[in-house]
Amino acid sequence: MPKEPKMFSNIAKIFIAIFLLIGTLIVFDDIIRNDLRCRQQEFTGDTAQDSSIIESTAVIGTLYLSFRANVSAYCPCEKCCDKWADGVTASGHIIQPGDKFVAAPDRYPFGIIIDIPGYGEVPVLDRGGAIKGDKLDVFFPTHQEAVEWGRQYLMVKIMIEKQKRD
């Protein structure tokens, strides 16, 4: 009785296995990159169409996430704060002379540090009804100072994590 022909030789089986392995690695790499992109968007609130996230860098043991923000200013007066002009921020912080802080969307937890050029490294201590997306509001003690700041589009850095040193 004649032998049935083999469908694939051993070499062909090896090539198929390698091809499937490479394909699987490519798919997993794409899944991992997509997951990281989603996590970054979750943190910053950016969408896939918004390329405002420029980089994340480690500077002297600290990891920063940089992005372009629409930075306006406010003060504790009724013009700026309406019925919430009581001298207490959304985090419960009682405003003191010399305070510097920022109002940010709720995706940024209270206390996280944001480095704003021309203003400094300051904590998020407040929220605001108009503070959404890439908008931030820096606090000034007087209405005149807030007006002088105006609206600026700046590259800001959010401190993600301070690394511990041994």
C-alpha atoms as a PDB file:
ATOM      1  CA  MET A   1       0.000   0.000   0.000  1.00  0.00           C
ATOM      2  CA  PRO A   2       1.429   3.404  -0.968  1.00  0.00           C
ATOM      3  CA  LYS A   3       2.332   5.947   1.725  1.00  0.00           C
ATOM      4  CA  GLU A   4       0.195   9.053   1.972  1.00  0.00           C
ATOM      5  CA  PRO A   5       2.180  12.195   1.158  1.00  0.00           C
ATOM      6  CA  LYS A   6       3.039  14.408   4.128  1.00  0.00           C
ATOM      7  CA  MET A   7       1.230  17.768   4.032  1.00  0.00           C
ATOM      8  CA  PHE A   8       4.145  19.639   5.541  1.00  0.00           C
ATOM      9  CA  SER A   9       7.738  18.764   6.078  1.00  0.00           C
ATOM     10  CA  ASN A  10       9.351  19.400   9.435  1.00  0.00           C
ATOM     11  CA  ILE A  11      11.064  22.537   8.090  1.00  0.00           C
ATOM     12  CA  ALA A  12       7.730  23.957   6.936  1.00  0.00           C
ATOM     13  CA  LYS A  13       6.259  23.288  10.392  1.00  0.00           C
ATOM     14  CA  ILE A  14       9.135  25.205  11.994  1.00  0.00           C
ATOM     15  CA  PHE A  15       8.599  28.184   9.650  1.00  0.00           C
ATOM     16  CA  ILE A  16       4.874  28.230  10.436  1.00  0.00           C
ATOM     17  CA  ALA A  17       5.582  28.119  14.177  1.00  0.00           C
ATOM     18  CA  ILE A  18       8.068  31.007  13.887  1.00  0.00           C
ATOM     19  CA  PHE A  19       5.608  33.017  11.775  1.00  0.00           C
ATOM     20  CA  LEU A  20       2.834  32.487  14.348  1.00  0.00           C
ATOM     21  CA  LEU A  21       5.160  33.405  17.207  1.00  0.00           C
ATOM     22  CA  ILE A  22       6.248  36.654  15.511  1.00  0.00           C
ATOM     23  CA  GLY A  23       2.630  37.504  14.722  1.00  0.00           C
ATOM     24  CA  THR A  24       1.648  36.922  18.352  1.00  0.00           C
ATOM     25  CA  LEU A  25       4.491  39.136  19.597  1.00  0.00           C
ATOM     26  CA  ILE A  26       3.441  41.934  17.235  1.00  0.00           C
ATOM     27  CA  VAL A  27      -0.166  41.728  18.441  1.00  0.00           C
ATOM     28  CA  PHE A  28       0.897  41.757  22.125  1.00  0.00           C
ATOM     29  CA  ASP A  29       3.228  44.699  21.498  1.00  0.00           C
ATOM     30  CA  ASP A  30       0.332  46.611  19.933  1.00  0.00           C
ATOM     31  CA  ILE A  31      -1.954  45.724  22.872  1.00  0.00           C
ATOM     32  CA  ILE A  32       0.655  46.875  25.421  1.00  0.00           C
ATOM     33  CA  ARG A  33       1.308  50.160  23.573  1.00  0.00           C
ATOM     34  CA  ASN A  34      -2.443  50.774  23.320  1.00  0.00           C
ATOM     35  CA  ASP A  35      -2.870  50.081  27.048  1.00  0.00           C
ATOM     36  CA  LEU A  36      -0.081  52.529  27.934  1.00  0.00           C
ATOM     37  CA  ARG A  37      -1.614  55.168  25.649  1.00  0.00           C
ATOM     38  CA  CYS A  38      -5.014  54.659  27.328  1.00  0.00           C
ATOM     39  CA  ARG A  39      -3.498  54.906  30.813  1.00  0.00           C
ATOM     40  CA  GLN A  40      -1.726  58.128  29.827  1.00  0.00           C
ATOM     41  CA  GLN A  41      -5.013  59.511  28.435  1.00  0.00           C
ATOM     42  CA  GLU A  42      -6.819  58.450  31.619  1.00  0.00           C
ATOM     43  CA  PHE A  43      -4.357  60.447  33.687  1.00  0.00           C
ATOM     44  CA  THR A  44      -4.232  63.523  31.482  1.00  0.00           C
ATOM     45  CA  GLY A  45      -7.703  63.386  29.955  1.00  0.00           C
ATOM     46  CA  ASP A  46      -6.254  63.796  26.487  1.00  0.00           C
ATOM     47  CA  THR A  47      -7.896  62.049  23.567  1.00  0.00           C
ATOM     48  CA  ALA A  48      -6.173  60.165  20.766  1.00  0.00           C
ATOM     49  CA  GLN A  49      -6.706  63.145  18.440  1.00  0.00           C
ATOM     50  CA  ASP A  50      -5.012  65.535  20.873  1.00  0.00           C
ATOM     51  CA  SER A  51      -1.248  65.409  20.612  1.00  0.00           C
ATOM     52  CA  SER A  52      -0.626  67.951  23.381  1.00  0.00           C
ATOM     53  CA  ILE A  53       1.332  65.445  25.476  1.00  0.00           C
ATOM     54  CA  ILE A  54       4.895  65.999  24.465  1.00  0.00           C
ATOM     55  CA  GLU A  55       7.032  63.905  26.755  1.00  0.00           C
ATOM     56  CA  SER A  56       7.556  62.391  30.112  1.00  0.00           C
ATOM     57  CA  THR A  57      10.978  62.907  31.607  1.00  0.00           C
ATOM     58  CA  ALA A  58      12.849  62.022  34.770  1.00  0.00           C
ATOM     59  CA  VAL A  59      14.567  65.044  36.301  1.00  0.00           C
ATOM     60  CA  ILE A  60      16.628  64.582  39.464  1.00  0.00           C
ATOM     61  CA  GLY A  61      14.620  61.619  40.687  1.00  0.00           C
ATOM     62  CA  THR A  62      11.239  63.058  39.690  1.00  0.00           C
ATOM     63  CA  LEU A  63       9.044  61.947  36.789  1.00  0.00           C
ATOM     64  CA  TYR A  64       7.203  64.751  34.947  1.00  0.00           C
ATOM     65  CA  LEU A  65       4.501  64.681  32.286  1.00  0.00           C
ATOM     66  CA  SER A  66       4.589  67.750  30.015  1.00  0.00           C
ATOM     67  CA  PHE A  67       1.666  69.126  28.053  1.00  0.00           C
ATOM     68  CA  ARG A  68       0.413  72.383  26.564  1.00  0.00           C
ATOM     69  CA  ALA A  69      -2.169  74.046  28.785  1.00  0.00           C
ATOM     70  CA  ASN A  70      -4.540  76.994  28.552  1.00  0.00           C
ATOM     71  CA  VAL A  71      -3.573  78.854  31.735  1.00  0.00           C
ATOM     72  CA  SER A  72      -5.757  81.696  32.984  1.00  0.00           C
ATOM     73  CA  ALA A  73      -5.826  83.392  36.380  1.00  0.00           C
ATOM     74  CA  TYR A  74      -8.290  84.166  39.150  1.00  0.00           C
ATOM     75  CA  CYS A  75      -8.457  85.764  42.572  1.00  0.00           C
ATOM     76  CA  PRO A  76     -10.741  85.220  45.585  1.00  0.00           C
ATOM     77  CA  CYS A  77     -13.127  88.064  44.629  1.00  0.00           C
ATOM     78  CA  GLU A  78     -16.818  87.654  43.749  1.00  0.00           C
ATOM     79  CA  LYS A  79     -16.134  88.534  40.093  1.00  0.00           C
ATOM     80  CA  CYS A  80     -13.880  85.502  39.768  1.00  0.00           C
ATOM     81  CA  CYS A  81     -15.441  83.098  42.265  1.00  0.00           C
ATOM     82  CA  ASP A  82     -19.109  84.134  42.345  1.00  0.00           C
ATOM     83  CA  LYS A  83     -20.887  82.567  45.329  1.00  0.00           C
ATOM     84  CA  TRP A  84     -17.775  80.541  46.237  1.00  0.00           C
ATOM     85  CA  ALA A  85     -15.793  83.693  47.171  1.00  0.00           C
ATOM     86  CA  ASP A  86     -15.437  82.613  50.793  1.00  0.00           C
ATOM     87  CA  GLY A  87     -11.636  82.240  51.017  1.00  0.00           C
ATOM     88  CA  VAL A  88     -11.769  78.426  51.084  1.00  0.00           C
ATOM     89  CA  THR A  89     -10.715  76.284  48.116  1.00  0.00           C
ATOM     90  CA  ALA A  90     -12.481  73.138  46.914  1.00  0.00           C
ATOM     91  CA  SER A  91      -9.865  71.061  48.755  1.00  0.00           C
ATOM     92  CA  GLY A  92     -10.737  72.810  52.033  1.00  0.00           C
ATOM     93  CA  HIS A  93      -7.588  74.931  52.048  1.00  0.00           C
ATOM     94  CA  ILE A  94      -8.093  78.301  53.772  1.00  0.00           C
ATOM     95  CA  ILE A  95      -6.408  80.923  51.605  1.00  0.00           C
ATOM     96  CA  GLN A  96      -3.527  82.718  53.371  1.00  0.00           C
ATOM     97  CA  PRO A  97      -1.453  85.752  52.291  1.00  0.00           C
ATOM     98  CA  GLY A  98       1.322  84.615  49.957  1.00  0.00           C
ATOM     99  CA  ASP A  99      -0.462  81.431  48.827  1.00  0.00           C
ATOM    100  CA  LYS A 100       0.255  80.124  45.347  1.00  0.00           C
ATOM    101  CA  PHE A 101      -1.737  77.232  43.925  1.00  0.00           C
ATOM    102  CA  VAL A 102      -3.666  76.155  40.873  1.00  0.00           C
ATOM    103  CA  ALA A 103      -7.244  75.123  40.084  1.00  0.00           C
ATOM    104  CA  ALA A 104      -7.284  72.082  37.801  1.00  0.00           C
ATOM    105  CA  PRO A 105      -9.793  69.546  36.415  1.00  0.00           C
ATOM    106  CA  ASP A 106     -10.761  66.777  38.829  1.00  0.00           C
ATOM    107  CA  ARG A 107      -8.631  64.213  36.991  1.00  0.00           C
ATOM    108  CA  TYR A 108      -5.678  65.833  38.827  1.00  0.00           C
ATOM    109  CA  PRO A 109      -5.832  64.926  42.523  1.00  0.00           C
ATOM    110  CA  PHE A 110      -5.558  67.633  45.153  1.00  0.00           C
ATOM    111  CA  GLY A 111      -1.940  68.095  46.182  1.00  0.00           C
ATOM    112  CA  ILE A 112      -0.338  67.015  42.906  1.00  0.00           C
ATOM    113  CA  ILE A 113       2.394  69.477  41.896  1.00  0.00           C
ATOM    114  CA  ILE A 114       2.247  71.333  38.565  1.00  0.00           C
ATOM    115  CA  ASP A 115       5.188  73.388  37.299  1.00  0.00           C
ATOM    116  CA  ILE A 116       3.823  76.444  35.458  1.00  0.00           C
ATOM    117  CA  PRO A 117       6.396  78.676  33.708  1.00  0.00           C
ATOM    118  CA  GLY A 118       6.330  82.186  35.139  1.00  0.00           C
ATOM    119  CA  TYR A 119       4.323  81.061  38.184  1.00  0.00           C
ATOM    120  CA  GLY A 120       6.268  78.183  39.764  1.00  0.00           C
ATOM    121  CA  GLU A 121       5.806  74.652  41.083  1.00  0.00           C
ATOM    122  CA  VAL A 122       2.466  74.714  42.877  1.00  0.00           C
ATOM    123  CA  PRO A 123      -0.069  72.230  44.255  1.00  0.00           C
ATOM    124  CA  VAL A 124      -3.563  71.674  42.893  1.00  0.00           C
ATOM    125  CA  LEU A 125      -5.829  72.982  45.673  1.00  0.00           C
ATOM    126  CA  ASP A 126      -8.937  74.132  43.806  1.00  0.00           C
ATOM    127  CA  ARG A 127     -11.496  73.268  41.125  1.00  0.00           C
ATOM    128  CA  GLY A 128     -13.771  75.388  38.977  1.00  0.00           C
ATOM    129  CA  GLY A 129     -16.827  75.012  36.782  1.00  0.00           C
ATOM    130  CA  ALA A 130     -14.971  76.193  33.675  1.00  0.00           C
ATOM    131  CA  ILE A 131     -11.806  74.206  34.437  1.00  0.00           C
ATOM    132  CA  LYS A 132     -11.994  71.316  31.966  1.00  0.00           C
ATOM    133  CA  GLY A 133      -9.725  69.645  29.417  1.00  0.00           C
ATOM    134  CA  ASP A 134      -6.328  71.320  29.240  1.00  0.00           C
ATOM    135  CA  LYS A 135      -7.398  74.410  31.218  1.00  0.00           C
ATOM    136  CA  LEU A 136      -5.729  75.513  34.452  1.00  0.00           C
ATOM    137  CA  ASP A 137      -6.358  78.588  36.639  1.00  0.00           C
ATOM    138  CA  VAL A 138      -3.514  80.061  38.680  1.00  0.00           C
ATOM    139  CA  PHE A 139      -4.405  81.881  41.897  1.00  0.00           C
ATOM    140  CA  PHE A 140      -3.476  85.516  42.571  1.00  0.00           C
ATOM    141  CA  PRO A 141      -4.341  87.512  45.713  1.00  0.00           C
ATOM    142  CA  THR A 142      -5.785  90.483  43.787  1.00  0.00           C
ATOM    143  CA  HIS A 143      -8.058  90.875  40.793  1.00  0.00           C
ATOM    144  CA  GLN A 144      -5.571  93.233  39.123  1.00  0.00           C
ATOM    145  CA  GLU A 145      -2.782  90.626  39.262  1.00  0.00           C
ATOM    146  CA  ALA A 146      -5.121  88.000  37.801  1.00  0.00           C
ATOM    147  CA  VAL A 147      -6.107  90.340  34.953  1.00  0.00           C
ATOM    148  CA  GLU A 148      -2.438  91.141  34.272  1.00  0.00           C
ATOM    149  CA  TRP A 149      -1.656  87.418  33.947  1.00  0.00           C
ATOM    150  CA  GLY A 150      -4.469  87.094  31.409  1.00  0.00           C
ATOM    151  CA  ARG A 151      -4.628  83.869  29.408  1.00  0.00           C
ATOM    152  CA  GLN A 152      -1.457  82.103  28.336  1.00  0.00           C
ATOM    153  CA  TYR A 153      -0.816  78.889  26.445  1.00  0.00           C
ATOM    154  CA  LEU A 154       2.138  77.281  28.187  1.00  0.00           C
ATOM    155  CA  MET A 155       4.001  73.995  28.364  1.00  0.00           C
ATOM    156  CA  VAL A 156       3.399  72.839  31.927  1.00  0.00           C
ATOM    157  CA  LYS A 157       4.818  69.851  33.778  1.00  0.00           C
ATOM    158  CA  ILE A 158       2.913  67.669  36.184  1.00  0.00           C
ATOM    159  CA  MET A 159       5.010  65.924  38.808  1.00  0.00           C
ATOM    160  CA  ILE A 160       3.970  62.291  38.516  1.00  0.00           C
ATOM    161  CA  GLU A 161       6.223  60.643  41.059  1.00  0.00           C
ATOM    162  CA  LYS A 162       9.168  61.445  43.287  1.00  0.00           C
ATOM    163  CA  GLN A 163      11.518  58.499  43.333  1.00  0.00           C
ATOM    164  CA  LYS A 164      12.940  57.446  46.685  1.00  0.00           C
ATOM    165  CA  ARG A 165      16.683  57.313  47.083  1.00  0.00           C
ATOM    166  CA  ASP A 166      18.425  54.687  49.197  1.00  0.00           C
END
